[in-house]
C-alpha atoms as a PDB file:
ATOM      1  CA  MET A   1      20.358  -8.625  -3.216  1.00  0.00           C
ATOM      2  CA  ASP A   2      22.152 -11.486  -4.416  1.00  0.00           C
ATOM      3  CA  GLN A   3      24.711  -9.717  -5.525  1.00  0.00           C
ATOM      4  CA  ILE A   4      25.494  -8.340  -2.589  1.00  0.00           C
ATOM      5  CA  ALA A   5      24.983 -11.375  -0.753  1.00  0.00           C
ATOM      6  CA  ALA A   6      27.280 -12.989  -3.257  1.00  0.00           C
ATOM      7  CA  TRP A   7      30.154 -10.536  -1.691  1.00  0.00           C
ATOM      8  CA  ARG A   8      29.202  -9.982   1.956  1.00  0.00           C
ATOM      9  CA  GLY A   9      27.494 -12.908   2.691  1.00  0.00           C
ATOM     10  CA  TYR A  10      23.605 -13.341   3.716  1.00  0.00           C
ATOM     11  CA  PRO A  11      22.263 -11.356   6.543  1.00  0.00           C
ATOM     12  CA  LYS A  12      20.436 -13.071   9.827  1.00  0.00           C
ATOM     13  CA  GLN A  13      17.838 -10.419   9.376  1.00  0.00           C
ATOM     14  CA  ILE A  14      16.827  -7.289   7.887  1.00  0.00           C
ATOM     15  CA  ARG A  15      15.278  -4.261  10.232  1.00  0.00           C
ATOM     16  CA  VAL A  16      13.055  -2.396   7.489  1.00  0.00           C
ATOM     17  CA  ASN A  17      10.095  -0.243   7.541  1.00  0.00           C
ATOM     18  CA  ILE A  18       6.787  -0.802   6.951  1.00  0.00           C
ATOM     19  CA  GLY A  19       6.525   0.779   3.038  1.00  0.00           C
ATOM     20  CA  PRO A  20       5.342  -1.419   0.083  1.00  0.00           C
ATOM     21  CA  GLU A  21       8.964  -2.452  -0.830  1.00  0.00           C
ATOM     22  CA  PHE A  22       9.655  -4.371   1.488  1.00  0.00           C
ATOM     23  CA  THR A  23       6.166  -5.778   3.187  1.00  0.00           C
ATOM     24  CA  SER A  24       5.919  -6.602  -0.963  1.00  0.00           C
ATOM     25  CA  SER A  25       5.032 -10.767  -1.316  1.00  0.00           C
ATOM     26  CA  GLU A  26       8.267 -10.680  -3.825  1.00  0.00           C
ATOM     27  CA  MET A  27      10.578  -9.291  -0.753  1.00  0.00           C
ATOM     28  CA  VAL A  28       9.121 -11.350   1.764  1.00  0.00           C
ATOM     29  CA  THR A  29       9.565 -14.755  -0.361  1.00  0.00           C
ATOM     30  CA  TRP A  30      12.748 -13.903  -1.110  1.00  0.00           C
ATOM     31  CA  ALA A  31      13.979 -12.973   2.988  1.00  0.00           C
ATOM     32  CA  GLU A  32      12.440 -16.425   3.648  1.00  0.00           C
ATOM     33  CA  GLN A  33      14.114 -18.526   0.768  1.00  0.00           C
ATOM     34  CA  HIS A  34      17.421 -17.139   2.187  1.00  0.00           C
ATOM     35  CA  GLY A  35      16.342 -17.659   6.006  1.00  0.00           C
ATOM     36  CA  ILE A  36      16.268 -13.760   6.408  1.00  0.00           C
ATOM     37  CA  VAL A  37      13.990 -12.525   9.001  1.00  0.00           C
ATOM     38  CA  ASN A  38      12.401  -9.726   8.333  1.00  0.00           C
ATOM     39  CA  ASP A  39      12.137  -7.182  11.337  1.00  0.00           C
ATOM     40  CA  CYS A  40       9.353  -4.878  10.797  1.00  0.00           C
ATOM     41  CA  VAL A  41       9.654  -1.414  13.011  1.00  0.00           C
ATOM     42  CA  MET A  42       6.487   0.019  14.240  1.00  0.00           C
ATOM     43  CA  PRO A  43       4.842   2.569  12.369  1.00  0.00           C
ATOM     44  CA  GLY A  44       5.147   5.973  13.976  1.00  0.00           C
ATOM     45  CA  SER A  45       8.342   4.800  15.809  1.00  0.00           C
ATOM     46  CA  PRO A  46      11.519   6.561  14.055  1.00  0.00           C
ATOM     47  CA  TYR A  47      13.358   5.877  17.308  1.00  0.00           C
ATOM     48  CA  GLN A  48      13.403   1.971  16.262  1.00  0.00           C
ATOM     49  CA  TYR A  49      15.800   2.784  13.793  1.00  0.00           C
ATOM     50  CA  GLY A  50      17.350   5.823  14.625  1.00  0.00           C
ATOM     51  CA  PHE A  51      20.729   4.930  13.593  1.00  0.00           C
ATOM     52  CA  ILE A  52      19.696   5.169   9.808  1.00  0.00           C
ATOM     53  CA  GLU A  53      17.420   8.376  10.581  1.00  0.00           C
ATOM     54  CA  ARG A  54      20.126  10.417  11.833  1.00  0.00           C
ATOM     55  CA  PHE A  55      22.616   9.514   8.469  1.00  0.00           C
ATOM     56  CA  ASN A  56      19.688  10.334   6.625  1.00  0.00           C
ATOM     57  CA  ARG A  57      19.745  13.923   7.815  1.00  0.00           C
ATOM     58  CA  THR A  58      23.233  14.185   8.333  1.00  0.00           C
ATOM     59  CA  TYR A  59      23.807  13.516   4.459  1.00  0.00           C
ATOM     60  CA  ARG A  60      20.880  15.395   3.757  1.00  0.00           C
ATOM     61  CA  GLU A  61      21.934  18.486   5.550  1.00  0.00           C
ATOM     62  CA  ASP A  62      25.693  18.204   4.717  1.00  0.00           C
ATOM     63  CA  VAL A  63      25.234  17.231   1.203  1.00  0.00           C
ATOM     64  CA  LEU A  64      22.116  16.705  -0.783  1.00  0.00           C
ATOM     65  CA  ASP A  65      21.094  20.716   0.338  1.00  0.00           C
ATOM     66  CA  LEU A  66      24.533  22.382   0.221  1.00  0.00           C
ATOM     67  CA  TYR A  67      24.188  21.762  -3.795  1.00  0.00           C
ATOM     68  CA  LEU A  68      22.636  21.803  -7.466  1.00  0.00           C
ATOM     69  CA  PHE A  69      23.486  18.820  -8.827  1.00  0.00           C
ATOM     70  CA  GLN A  70      22.724  18.049 -12.667  1.00  0.00           C
ATOM     71  CA  ASN A  71      22.774  14.248 -12.742  1.00  0.00           C
ATOM     72  CA  LEU A  72      23.187  10.749 -10.481  1.00  0.00           C
ATOM     73  CA  ASP A  73      26.675  10.927 -11.186  1.00  0.00           C
ATOM     74  CA  GLU A  74      27.332  13.944  -9.666  1.00  0.00           C
ATOM     75  CA  VAL A  75      25.558  12.885  -5.855  1.00  0.00           C
ATOM     76  CA  ARG A  76      27.878   9.970  -6.264  1.00  0.00           C
ATOM     77  CA  GLN A  77      31.433  12.367  -7.038  1.00  0.00           C
ATOM     78  CA  GLU A  78      30.294  14.491  -3.798  1.00  0.00           C
ATOM     79  CA  THR A  79      28.880  11.725  -1.709  1.00  0.00           C
ATOM     80  CA  ASP A  80      32.299   9.742  -2.458  1.00  0.00           C
ATOM     81  CA  ARG A  81      34.678  13.541  -1.879  1.00  0.00           C
END
C-alpha cells in the first residue's frame, strides 16, 4: 500500500468490510501511522459499499464467468482488453 501511496498519495479514509485482512493489528497500525481512518461497514450491510459490490458482480459476469483461464496473466490480459 505504501507503493501505491507513493504514486497516488495516502487517502484520508479507507472503507473496508470487517474481514480479518482489514481489522488486523498490522493494518490498523499502518492506517493510524499515516493518518488514515478505517471506516468499517456493518456486517450484513452490502448497501454501504454498493459501488464495489456492483463492480464485483459485473466483473464476475462479464469476464470471470465467460472464460476458462489457465493462469493469472490470462485474467489480466482479458481484463485489459
